[in-house]
Amino acid sequence: MILGRSERGKPPVEPVTLKILVAGGFGVGKTTLVGAVSEIRPLRTEELLTEAGRPVDDLSGVEGKHTTTVAMDFGRITLREDLVLYLFGTPGQERFWFMWDELTEGALGAVVLADTRRLEDCFAAVDYFERRSIPFLVAVNCFEGAARYPEEAVRQALDLDDDVPLLLCDARDRESVKEVLIGVVQHAMAYVADRRQAAAT
């Protein structure tokens, strides 16, 4: 069914739109994830890496990377006729973190993308969302050649609370990314419901 149209005799459905952030370290696959699933041509603010950035951009493990996001990535996906997600990929480098407060405004939840070869690069994102009580899940991007670790080992390394979902994904694969996005929406909705119930008691 085309969005905005309906079956004969039924009024058109006005979709609910939700904002989801995609965060994580430099070179972890945020731009790739947004691009893999977006039904529109993604907005990208990538610039070439320069010699001037060499002292502050750690390319260990991503030596083949030649560009970096300097503002955000933006994409959109319709999960159901009545549910549309707006995806905002955050810049991964520390010098661009000042933008995160603006990007998180109005967000339902977040995906923290992780690379097991450079797990420490997502510590800042995990800490950011925990401090601000923004519901998030961790999606481990399964790069070719990267070691696979048991979920519990990754949880311990990231010091995740038991209620934070942890999923494996391929940021290049549309169906894999959709599963991650469905997971973060479900987690965020449950988180909001729990907070409301706690406030009412």
N, C-alpha and C. Protein backbone atom coordinates (compact mmCIF):
# COMPACT_ATOMS: atom_id res chain seq x y z
N MET A 1 0.83 -1.19 0.00
CA MET A 1 0.00 0.00 0.00
C MET A 1 0.88 1.25 0.00
N ILE A 2 0.50 2.25 -0.78
CA ILE A 2 1.26 3.51 -0.84
C ILE A 2 0.90 4.33 0.38
N LEU A 3 1.93 4.93 0.99
CA LEU A 3 1.72 5.73 2.20
C LEU A 3 0.76 6.86 1.90
N GLY A 4 -0.21 7.06 2.78
CA GLY A 4 -1.17 8.15 2.63
C GLY A 4 -2.44 7.71 1.92
N ARG A 5 -2.38 6.59 1.18
CA ARG A 5 -3.58 6.06 0.55
C ARG A 5 -4.15 4.96 1.45
N SER A 6 -5.35 4.57 1.17
CA SER A 6 -5.97 3.55 2.01
C SER A 6 -6.82 2.64 1.16
N GLU A 7 -7.25 1.55 1.80
CA GLU A 7 -8.17 0.65 1.11
C GLU A 7 -9.48 1.38 0.89
N ARG A 8 -10.20 0.94 -0.15
CA ARG A 8 -11.46 1.60 -0.52
C ARG A 8 -12.39 1.70 0.68
N GLY A 9 -12.88 2.90 0.93
CA GLY A 9 -13.83 3.10 2.02
C GLY A 9 -13.20 3.43 3.35
N LYS A 10 -11.87 3.32 3.46
CA LYS A 10 -11.20 3.62 4.73
C LYS A 10 -10.47 4.95 4.62
N PRO A 11 -10.50 5.75 5.68
CA PRO A 11 -9.79 7.02 5.63
C PRO A 11 -8.28 6.80 5.56
N PRO A 12 -7.54 7.74 4.96
CA PRO A 12 -6.08 7.58 4.91
C PRO A 12 -5.48 7.57 6.30
N VAL A 13 -4.39 6.82 6.44
CA VAL A 13 -3.73 6.68 7.73
C VAL A 13 -2.68 7.79 7.86
N GLU A 14 -2.72 8.50 8.98
CA GLU A 14 -1.70 9.51 9.26
C GLU A 14 -0.59 8.83 10.05
N PRO A 15 0.59 8.67 9.45
CA PRO A 15 1.63 7.90 10.13
C PRO A 15 2.21 8.64 11.34
N VAL A 16 2.61 7.86 12.33
CA VAL A 16 3.37 8.39 13.45
C VAL A 16 4.83 8.45 13.00
N THR A 17 5.48 9.59 13.25
CA THR A 17 6.89 9.71 12.89
C THR A 17 7.73 9.72 14.17
N LEU A 18 8.80 8.94 14.17
CA LEU A 18 9.68 8.81 15.32
C LEU A 18 11.11 9.11 14.90
N LYS A 19 11.84 9.76 15.78
CA LYS A 19 13.23 10.12 15.53
C LYS A 19 14.15 9.14 16.26
N ILE A 20 15.05 8.53 15.51
CA ILE A 20 16.01 7.57 16.06
C ILE A 20 17.43 8.05 15.72
N LEU A 21 18.30 8.02 16.71
CA LEU A 21 19.70 8.39 16.48
C LEU A 21 20.53 7.15 16.22
N VAL A 22 21.56 7.31 15.41
CA VAL A 22 22.54 6.25 15.18
C VAL A 22 23.89 6.82 15.57
N ALA A 23 24.47 6.28 16.64
CA ALA A 23 25.70 6.83 17.19
C ALA A 23 26.76 5.74 17.27
N GLY A 24 27.97 6.15 17.64
CA GLY A 24 29.07 5.21 17.77
C GLY A 24 30.37 5.87 17.38
N GLY A 25 31.42 5.10 17.40
CA GLY A 25 32.75 5.64 17.14
C GLY A 25 33.00 5.96 15.69
N PHE A 26 34.13 6.56 15.45
CA PHE A 26 34.59 6.94 14.12
C PHE A 26 34.80 5.69 13.26
N GLY A 27 34.17 5.65 12.08
CA GLY A 27 34.39 4.55 11.15
C GLY A 27 33.67 3.26 11.49
N VAL A 28 32.65 3.33 12.36
CA VAL A 28 31.99 2.10 12.80
C VAL A 28 30.89 1.64 11.84
N GLY A 29 30.47 2.52 10.91
CA GLY A 29 29.45 2.12 9.94
C GLY A 29 28.13 2.85 10.04
N LYS A 30 28.10 4.00 10.70
CA LYS A 30 26.84 4.73 10.88
C LYS A 30 26.26 5.22 9.55
N THR A 31 27.11 5.80 8.71
CA THR A 31 26.65 6.29 7.40
C THR A 31 26.18 5.12 6.54
N THR A 32 26.89 4.01 6.60
CA THR A 32 26.51 2.81 5.84
C THR A 32 25.16 2.30 6.31
N LEU A 33 24.93 2.25 7.63
CA LEU A 33 23.67 1.76 8.17
C LEU A 33 22.50 2.61 7.71
N VAL A 34 22.63 3.92 7.81
CA VAL A 34 21.53 4.81 7.38
C VAL A 34 21.27 4.63 5.89
N GLY A 35 22.33 4.56 5.10
CA GLY A 35 22.18 4.41 3.66
C GLY A 35 21.58 3.07 3.25
N ALA A 36 21.86 2.02 4.01
CA ALA A 36 21.38 0.68 3.67
C ALA A 36 19.87 0.56 3.78
N VAL A 37 19.27 1.34 4.65
CA VAL A 37 17.86 1.15 4.95
C VAL A 37 16.97 2.31 4.51
N SER A 38 17.55 3.46 4.20
CA SER A 38 16.74 4.63 3.89
C SER A 38 16.00 4.47 2.57
N GLU A 39 14.71 4.83 2.57
CA GLU A 39 13.90 4.75 1.35
C GLU A 39 14.02 6.02 0.51
N ILE A 40 14.68 7.02 1.05
CA ILE A 40 15.00 8.22 0.28
C ILE A 40 16.52 8.27 0.12
N ARG A 41 16.98 9.08 -0.80
CA ARG A 41 18.42 9.25 -0.91
C ARG A 41 18.92 9.93 0.36
N PRO A 42 19.81 9.27 1.11
CA PRO A 42 20.20 9.84 2.40
C PRO A 42 20.94 11.16 2.24
N LEU A 43 20.68 12.06 3.18
CA LEU A 43 21.47 13.28 3.27
C LEU A 43 22.76 12.92 3.99
N ARG A 44 23.88 13.25 3.38
CA ARG A 44 25.18 12.95 4.00
C ARG A 44 26.01 14.22 4.05
N THR A 45 26.72 14.39 5.14
CA THR A 45 27.60 15.56 5.29
C THR A 45 29.03 15.05 5.47
N GLU A 46 29.48 14.29 4.49
CA GLU A 46 30.83 13.71 4.56
C GLU A 46 31.84 14.63 3.87
N GLU A 47 33.00 14.71 4.47
CA GLU A 47 34.10 15.47 3.90
C GLU A 47 35.34 14.57 3.88
N LEU A 48 36.25 14.88 2.99
CA LEU A 48 37.50 14.11 2.90
C LEU A 48 38.34 14.33 4.15
N LEU A 49 38.95 13.26 4.63
CA LEU A 49 39.93 13.39 5.71
C LEU A 49 41.15 14.12 5.18
N THR A 50 41.71 14.99 6.01
CA THR A 50 42.85 15.79 5.57
C THR A 50 44.05 15.56 6.47
N GLU A 51 45.18 16.06 6.02
CA GLU A 51 46.39 15.99 6.83
C GLU A 51 46.22 16.74 8.15
N ALA A 52 45.43 17.83 8.11
CA ALA A 52 45.22 18.63 9.32
C ALA A 52 44.53 17.82 10.42
N GLY A 53 43.68 16.85 10.01
CA GLY A 53 42.96 16.05 10.99
C GLY A 53 43.72 14.83 11.46
N ARG A 54 44.85 14.52 10.83
CA ARG A 54 45.60 13.31 11.16
C ARG A 54 45.96 13.19 12.64
N PRO A 55 46.38 14.30 13.31
CA PRO A 55 46.74 14.16 14.73
C PRO A 55 45.56 13.82 15.64
N VAL A 56 44.32 14.12 15.21
CA VAL A 56 43.17 13.89 16.09
C VAL A 56 42.26 12.76 15.63
N ASP A 57 42.41 12.30 14.39
CA ASP A 57 41.58 11.22 13.87
C ASP A 57 42.37 9.91 13.94
N ASP A 58 41.93 9.02 14.83
CA ASP A 58 42.60 7.73 14.98
C ASP A 58 42.09 6.77 13.91
N LEU A 59 42.93 6.45 12.93
CA LEU A 59 42.53 5.57 11.84
C LEU A 59 42.89 4.11 12.08
N SER A 60 43.29 3.78 13.31
CA SER A 60 43.63 2.39 13.63
C SER A 60 42.42 1.50 13.40
N GLY A 61 42.59 0.51 12.55
CA GLY A 61 41.50 -0.41 12.24
C GLY A 61 40.61 0.05 11.10
N VAL A 62 40.72 1.32 10.68
CA VAL A 62 39.93 1.83 9.55
C VAL A 62 40.85 2.61 8.60
N GLU A 63 41.99 2.01 8.33
CA GLU A 63 42.99 2.69 7.52
C GLU A 63 42.50 3.04 6.12
N GLY A 64 41.52 2.31 5.62
CA GLY A 64 40.99 2.56 4.28
C GLY A 64 39.94 3.67 4.23
N LYS A 65 39.63 4.26 5.36
CA LYS A 65 38.59 5.29 5.40
C LYS A 65 39.16 6.63 4.91
N HIS A 66 38.43 7.27 3.99
CA HIS A 66 38.92 8.52 3.39
C HIS A 66 38.00 9.70 3.66
N THR A 67 36.79 9.45 4.17
CA THR A 67 35.85 10.53 4.45
C THR A 67 35.32 10.40 5.87
N THR A 68 34.72 11.48 6.37
CA THR A 68 34.12 11.45 7.70
C THR A 68 32.88 12.33 7.73
N THR A 69 31.91 11.96 8.56
CA THR A 69 30.71 12.77 8.74
C THR A 69 31.03 13.95 9.63
N VAL A 70 30.71 15.15 9.16
CA VAL A 70 31.04 16.35 9.93
C VAL A 70 29.81 17.00 10.55
N ALA A 71 28.62 16.58 10.19
CA ALA A 71 27.41 17.13 10.80
C ALA A 71 26.46 15.99 11.16
N MET A 72 25.85 15.37 10.15
CA MET A 72 24.95 14.25 10.42
C MET A 72 24.66 13.53 9.12
N ASP A 73 24.11 12.33 9.26
CA ASP A 73 23.47 11.62 8.15
C ASP A 73 21.98 11.63 8.44
N PHE A 74 21.17 11.68 7.38
CA PHE A 74 19.73 11.65 7.59
C PHE A 74 19.10 10.72 6.58
N GLY A 75 18.20 9.85 7.08
CA GLY A 75 17.45 8.97 6.22
C GLY A 75 16.06 8.72 6.78
N ARG A 76 15.22 8.05 6.00
CA ARG A 76 13.84 7.78 6.42
C ARG A 76 13.46 6.37 5.99
N ILE A 77 12.73 5.68 6.86
CA ILE A 77 12.22 4.35 6.52
C ILE A 77 10.80 4.21 7.07
N THR A 78 9.92 3.66 6.25
CA THR A 78 8.56 3.35 6.66
C THR A 78 8.53 1.89 7.13
N LEU A 79 8.33 1.68 8.43
CA LEU A 79 8.28 0.31 8.95
C LEU A 79 6.91 -0.31 8.75
N ARG A 80 5.87 0.52 8.92
CA ARG A 80 4.49 0.10 8.66
C ARG A 80 3.78 1.29 8.05
N GLU A 81 2.57 1.06 7.56
CA GLU A 81 1.79 2.15 6.97
C GLU A 81 1.64 3.32 7.95
N ASP A 82 1.60 2.98 9.24
CA ASP A 82 1.34 4.01 10.25
C ASP A 82 2.57 4.37 11.08
N LEU A 83 3.78 3.93 10.63
CA LEU A 83 4.98 4.18 11.42
C LEU A 83 6.17 4.49 10.52
N VAL A 84 6.68 5.71 10.65
CA VAL A 84 7.83 6.17 9.86
C VAL A 84 8.95 6.57 10.82
N LEU A 85 10.15 6.11 10.53
CA LEU A 85 11.31 6.48 11.34
C LEU A 85 12.19 7.47 10.57
N TYR A 86 12.59 8.53 11.27
CA TYR A 86 13.60 9.44 10.77
C TYR A 86 14.91 9.10 11.46
N LEU A 87 15.92 8.82 10.68
CA LEU A 87 17.21 8.37 11.21
C LEU A 87 18.23 9.50 11.13
N PHE A 88 18.88 9.76 12.24
CA PHE A 88 19.92 10.78 12.30
C PHE A 88 21.22 10.13 12.75
N GLY A 89 22.19 10.06 11.84
CA GLY A 89 23.50 9.53 12.19
C GLY A 89 24.37 10.63 12.74
N THR A 90 24.92 10.40 13.93
CA THR A 90 25.75 11.42 14.59
C THR A 90 27.20 11.32 14.12
N PRO A 91 27.92 12.43 14.15
CA PRO A 91 29.35 12.35 13.86
C PRO A 91 30.08 11.59 14.96
N GLY A 92 31.09 10.80 14.58
CA GLY A 92 31.76 9.94 15.55
C GLY A 92 32.95 10.55 16.25
N GLN A 93 33.54 11.60 15.65
CA GLN A 93 34.75 12.14 16.23
C GLN A 93 34.46 13.11 17.37
N GLU A 94 35.33 13.10 18.34
CA GLU A 94 35.11 13.89 19.56
C GLU A 94 34.94 15.37 19.27
N ARG A 95 35.63 15.88 18.27
CA ARG A 95 35.55 17.32 18.02
C ARG A 95 34.19 17.75 17.48
N PHE A 96 33.34 16.80 17.09
CA PHE A 96 32.00 17.13 16.61
C PHE A 96 30.90 16.78 17.63
N TRP A 97 31.29 16.33 18.82
CA TRP A 97 30.29 15.91 19.80
C TRP A 97 29.39 17.03 20.28
N PHE A 98 29.81 18.29 20.11
CA PHE A 98 28.96 19.40 20.54
C PHE A 98 27.61 19.39 19.83
N MET A 99 27.53 18.70 18.68
CA MET A 99 26.27 18.66 17.92
C MET A 99 25.28 17.65 18.49
N TRP A 100 25.76 16.74 19.33
CA TRP A 100 24.88 15.67 19.80
C TRP A 100 23.67 16.20 20.55
N ASP A 101 23.84 17.23 21.37
CA ASP A 101 22.71 17.76 22.14
C ASP A 101 21.59 18.23 21.22
N GLU A 102 21.95 18.86 20.10
CA GLU A 102 20.94 19.31 19.14
C GLU A 102 20.27 18.12 18.47
N LEU A 103 21.06 17.14 18.08
CA LEU A 103 20.51 15.99 17.36
C LEU A 103 19.61 15.13 18.24
N THR A 104 19.89 15.07 19.55
CA THR A 104 19.07 14.22 20.43
C THR A 104 17.73 14.83 20.78
N GLU A 105 17.55 16.12 20.51
CA GLU A 105 16.28 16.79 20.84
C GLU A 105 15.11 16.07 20.17
N GLY A 106 14.19 15.56 20.98
CA GLY A 106 12.99 14.91 20.46
C GLY A 106 13.18 13.47 20.01
N ALA A 107 14.34 12.88 20.28
CA ALA A 107 14.58 11.50 19.84
C ALA A 107 13.87 10.50 20.75
N LEU A 108 13.28 9.48 20.16
CA LEU A 108 12.65 8.41 20.94
C LEU A 108 13.71 7.50 21.54
N GLY A 109 14.76 7.22 20.78
CA GLY A 109 15.79 6.31 21.24
C GLY A 109 16.99 6.35 20.32
N ALA A 110 17.94 5.47 20.58
CA ALA A 110 19.19 5.48 19.82
C ALA A 110 19.73 4.09 19.62
N VAL A 111 20.48 3.95 18.53
CA VAL A 111 21.27 2.75 18.25
C VAL A 111 22.73 3.14 18.45
N VAL A 112 23.44 2.42 19.30
CA VAL A 112 24.88 2.60 19.43
C VAL A 112 25.54 1.48 18.64
N LEU A 113 26.18 1.86 17.54
CA LEU A 113 26.84 0.88 16.68
C LEU A 113 28.24 0.62 17.22
N ALA A 114 28.61 -0.65 17.32
CA ALA A 114 29.88 -1.03 17.91
C ALA A 114 30.68 -1.92 16.96
N ASP A 115 31.99 -1.82 17.06
CA ASP A 115 32.93 -2.66 16.31
C ASP A 115 33.79 -3.36 17.35
N THR A 116 33.77 -4.69 17.38
CA THR A 116 34.51 -5.42 18.43
C THR A 116 36.02 -5.22 18.33
N ARG A 117 36.51 -4.76 17.19
CA ARG A 117 37.96 -4.50 17.05
C ARG A 117 38.35 -3.20 17.75
N ARG A 118 37.37 -2.32 17.96
CA ARG A 118 37.63 -1.01 18.58
C ARG A 118 36.46 -0.68 19.50
N LEU A 119 36.18 -1.59 20.41
CA LEU A 119 34.99 -1.48 21.25
C LEU A 119 34.99 -0.21 22.09
N GLU A 120 36.18 0.22 22.50
CA GLU A 120 36.27 1.40 23.36
C GLU A 120 35.75 2.66 22.66
N ASP A 121 35.65 2.64 21.34
CA ASP A 121 35.20 3.82 20.61
C ASP A 121 33.72 4.13 20.83
N CYS A 122 32.96 3.15 21.33
CA CYS A 122 31.54 3.43 21.56
C CYS A 122 31.23 3.72 23.04
N PHE A 123 32.26 3.72 23.90
CA PHE A 123 32.04 4.03 25.31
C PHE A 123 31.37 5.38 25.49
N ALA A 124 31.83 6.38 24.75
CA ALA A 124 31.29 7.74 24.91
C ALA A 124 29.81 7.80 24.57
N ALA A 125 29.39 7.09 23.52
CA ALA A 125 27.98 7.09 23.13
C ALA A 125 27.12 6.40 24.18
N VAL A 126 27.59 5.25 24.68
CA VAL A 126 26.85 4.54 25.74
C VAL A 126 26.69 5.44 26.95
N ASP A 127 27.78 6.07 27.36
CA ASP A 127 27.75 6.97 28.52
C ASP A 127 26.81 8.15 28.29
N TYR A 128 26.84 8.71 27.09
CA TYR A 128 26.00 9.86 26.75
C TYR A 128 24.52 9.54 26.94
N PHE A 129 24.07 8.42 26.37
CA PHE A 129 22.65 8.07 26.44
C PHE A 129 22.24 7.62 27.84
N GLU A 130 23.13 6.94 28.55
CA GLU A 130 22.83 6.56 29.93
C GLU A 130 22.62 7.79 30.81
N ARG A 131 23.51 8.76 30.69
CA ARG A 131 23.43 9.97 31.52
C ARG A 131 22.16 10.78 31.26
N ARG A 132 21.67 10.71 30.03
CA ARG A 132 20.50 11.51 29.66
C ARG A 132 19.21 10.69 29.68
N SER A 133 19.29 9.46 30.15
CA SER A 133 18.12 8.56 30.24
C SER A 133 17.40 8.44 28.89
N ILE A 134 18.18 8.33 27.83
CA ILE A 134 17.63 8.09 26.49
C ILE A 134 17.75 6.60 26.21
N PRO A 135 16.64 5.90 25.96
CA PRO A 135 16.72 4.46 25.73
C PRO A 135 17.54 4.15 24.47
N PHE A 136 18.38 3.13 24.57
CA PHE A 136 19.24 2.76 23.44
C PHE A 136 19.49 1.27 23.45
N LEU A 137 19.91 0.77 22.30
CA LEU A 137 20.42 -0.59 22.23
C LEU A 137 21.79 -0.53 21.58
N VAL A 138 22.56 -1.59 21.76
CA VAL A 138 23.87 -1.70 21.14
C VAL A 138 23.77 -2.72 20.01
N ALA A 139 24.20 -2.30 18.82
CA ALA A 139 24.23 -3.19 17.66
C ALA A 139 25.68 -3.40 17.27
N VAL A 140 26.15 -4.62 17.37
CA VAL A 140 27.53 -4.95 17.01
C VAL A 140 27.59 -5.18 15.50
N ASN A 141 28.30 -4.30 14.81
CA ASN A 141 28.45 -4.41 13.37
C ASN A 141 29.48 -5.49 13.08
N CYS A 142 29.06 -6.57 12.44
CA CYS A 142 29.93 -7.73 12.24
C CYS A 142 30.79 -7.55 10.99
N PHE A 143 31.92 -6.87 11.18
CA PHE A 143 32.85 -6.65 10.08
C PHE A 143 33.52 -7.96 9.69
N GLU A 144 33.83 -8.09 8.41
CA GLU A 144 34.57 -9.27 7.95
C GLU A 144 35.95 -9.29 8.60
N GLY A 145 36.32 -10.44 9.13
CA GLY A 145 37.62 -10.58 9.76
C GLY A 145 37.65 -10.19 11.23
N ALA A 146 36.55 -9.60 11.73
CA ALA A 146 36.51 -9.22 13.15
C ALA A 146 36.17 -10.45 13.98
N ALA A 147 36.79 -10.55 15.14
CA ALA A 147 36.53 -11.68 16.04
C ALA A 147 35.09 -11.62 16.56
N ARG A 148 34.47 -12.78 16.72
CA ARG A 148 33.12 -12.86 17.30
C ARG A 148 33.26 -13.20 18.77
N TYR A 149 32.56 -12.47 19.61
CA TYR A 149 32.62 -12.68 21.05
C TYR A 149 31.23 -13.02 21.57
N PRO A 150 31.13 -13.79 22.65
CA PRO A 150 29.82 -14.06 23.25
C PRO A 150 29.16 -12.75 23.70
N GLU A 151 27.85 -12.73 23.65
CA GLU A 151 27.11 -11.52 24.04
C GLU A 151 27.49 -11.06 25.44
N GLU A 152 27.62 -12.00 26.36
CA GLU A 152 27.93 -11.63 27.75
C GLU A 152 29.29 -10.95 27.86
N ALA A 153 30.25 -11.37 27.03
CA ALA A 153 31.57 -10.76 27.05
C ALA A 153 31.50 -9.31 26.56
N VAL A 154 30.70 -9.06 25.53
CA VAL A 154 30.54 -7.69 25.01
C VAL A 154 29.81 -6.83 26.04
N ARG A 155 28.79 -7.41 26.68
CA ARG A 155 28.05 -6.68 27.72
C ARG A 155 28.98 -6.24 28.85
N GLN A 156 29.80 -7.17 29.29
CA GLN A 156 30.73 -6.86 30.38
C GLN A 156 31.73 -5.80 29.97
N ALA A 157 32.24 -5.90 28.73
CA ALA A 157 33.23 -4.93 28.26
C ALA A 157 32.63 -3.52 28.19
N LEU A 158 31.35 -3.43 27.85
CA LEU A 158 30.68 -2.14 27.76
C LEU A 158 29.99 -1.74 29.05
N ASP A 159 29.99 -2.64 30.04
CA ASP A 159 29.33 -2.38 31.32
C ASP A 159 27.86 -2.00 31.12
N LEU A 160 27.16 -2.80 30.28
CA LEU A 160 25.76 -2.52 29.97
C LEU A 160 24.83 -3.05 31.05
N ASP A 161 23.78 -2.29 31.33
CA ASP A 161 22.72 -2.79 32.21
C ASP A 161 22.03 -3.97 31.54
N ASP A 162 21.43 -4.84 32.35
CA ASP A 162 20.79 -6.04 31.81
C ASP A 162 19.64 -5.73 30.85
N ASP A 163 18.99 -4.58 31.04
CA ASP A 163 17.83 -4.27 30.22
C ASP A 163 18.17 -3.61 28.89
N VAL A 164 19.46 -3.37 28.64
CA VAL A 164 19.87 -2.76 27.36
C VAL A 164 20.04 -3.89 26.33
N PRO A 165 19.23 -3.87 25.26
CA PRO A 165 19.36 -4.94 24.25
C PRO A 165 20.70 -4.86 23.52
N LEU A 166 21.22 -6.03 23.15
CA LEU A 166 22.45 -6.11 22.37
C LEU A 166 22.19 -7.05 21.20
N LEU A 167 22.41 -6.56 19.98
CA LEU A 167 22.12 -7.34 18.78
C LEU A 167 23.36 -7.38 17.89
N LEU A 168 23.45 -8.42 17.06
CA LEU A 168 24.46 -8.48 16.01
C LEU A 168 23.81 -8.00 14.71
N CYS A 169 24.59 -7.30 13.89
CA CYS A 169 24.01 -6.82 12.63
C CYS A 169 25.08 -6.68 11.57
N ASP A 170 24.61 -6.50 10.35
CA ASP A 170 25.46 -6.14 9.22
C ASP A 170 24.94 -4.81 8.72
N ALA A 171 25.69 -3.74 8.94
CA ALA A 171 25.22 -2.39 8.61
C ALA A 171 25.00 -2.19 7.11
N ARG A 172 25.46 -3.13 6.30
CA ARG A 172 25.28 -3.03 4.84
C ARG A 172 23.97 -3.66 4.38
N ASP A 173 23.36 -4.46 5.25
CA ASP A 173 22.21 -5.29 4.87
C ASP A 173 20.90 -4.68 5.35
N ARG A 174 20.01 -4.38 4.42
CA ARG A 174 18.75 -3.71 4.75
C ARG A 174 17.93 -4.47 5.79
N GLU A 175 17.77 -5.78 5.59
CA GLU A 175 16.94 -6.55 6.52
C GLU A 175 17.56 -6.61 7.91
N SER A 176 18.88 -6.73 7.98
CA SER A 176 19.56 -6.75 9.26
C SER A 176 19.37 -5.42 10.00
N VAL A 177 19.49 -4.31 9.26
CA VAL A 177 19.31 -2.99 9.87
C VAL A 177 17.86 -2.79 10.31
N LYS A 178 16.91 -3.27 9.52
CA LYS A 178 15.49 -3.15 9.91
C LYS A 178 15.24 -3.85 11.24
N GLU A 179 15.85 -5.02 11.44
CA GLU A 179 15.68 -5.73 12.71
C GLU A 179 16.21 -4.89 13.88
N VAL A 180 17.34 -4.22 13.65
CA VAL A 180 17.90 -3.35 14.69
C VAL A 180 16.93 -2.20 15.00
N LEU A 181 16.38 -1.58 13.97
CA LEU A 181 15.48 -0.44 14.16
C LEU A 181 14.18 -0.86 14.85
N ILE A 182 13.66 -2.01 14.47
CA ILE A 182 12.46 -2.53 15.15
C ILE A 182 12.80 -2.77 16.62
N GLY A 183 13.99 -3.31 16.88
CA GLY A 183 14.41 -3.57 18.26
C GLY A 183 14.50 -2.31 19.10
N VAL A 184 15.05 -1.24 18.53
CA VAL A 184 15.19 -0.01 19.32
C VAL A 184 13.84 0.65 19.55
N VAL A 185 12.93 0.57 18.58
CA VAL A 185 11.58 1.13 18.79
C VAL A 185 10.86 0.36 19.89
N GLN A 186 10.91 -0.96 19.85
CA GLN A 186 10.26 -1.78 20.87
C GLN A 186 10.85 -1.50 22.25
N HIS A 187 12.18 -1.40 22.32
CA HIS A 187 12.84 -1.13 23.60
C HIS A 187 12.45 0.25 24.13
N ALA A 188 12.45 1.25 23.25
CA ALA A 188 12.12 2.61 23.67
C ALA A 188 10.67 2.71 24.15
N MET A 189 9.76 2.05 23.46
CA MET A 189 8.34 2.07 23.86
C MET A 189 8.16 1.42 25.22
N ALA A 190 8.83 0.28 25.44
CA ALA A 190 8.74 -0.39 26.74
C ALA A 190 9.35 0.48 27.83
N TYR A 191 10.45 1.16 27.52
CA TYR A 191 11.13 2.04 28.48
C TYR A 191 10.19 3.18 28.90
N VAL A 192 9.54 3.80 27.91
CA VAL A 192 8.61 4.91 28.20
C VAL A 192 7.43 4.41 29.03
N ALA A 193 6.90 3.24 28.68
CA ALA A 193 5.76 2.67 29.42
C ALA A 193 6.14 2.38 30.86
N ASP A 194 7.34 1.84 31.08
CA ASP A 194 7.81 1.55 32.44
C ASP A 194 7.96 2.82 33.25
N ARG A 195 8.48 3.88 32.63
CA ARG A 195 8.66 5.16 33.34
C ARG A 195 7.30 5.75 33.73
N ARG A 196 6.35 5.64 32.83
CA ARG A 196 4.99 6.16 33.13
C ARG A 196 4.34 5.39 34.27
N GLN A 197 4.52 4.07 34.24
CA GLN A 197 3.94 3.23 35.29
C GLN A 197 4.59 3.54 36.63
N ALA A 198 5.90 3.73 36.62
CA ALA A 198 6.62 4.04 37.86
C ALA A 198 6.18 5.39 38.41
N ALA A 199 5.93 6.34 37.52
CA ALA A 199 5.50 7.68 37.96
C ALA A 199 4.09 7.66 38.53
N ALA A 200 3.28 6.72 38.03
CA ALA A 200 1.89 6.66 38.48
C ALA A 200 1.73 5.96 39.82
N THR A 201 2.75 5.21 40.27
CA THR A 201 2.63 4.48 41.53
C THR A 201 3.27 5.24 42.68
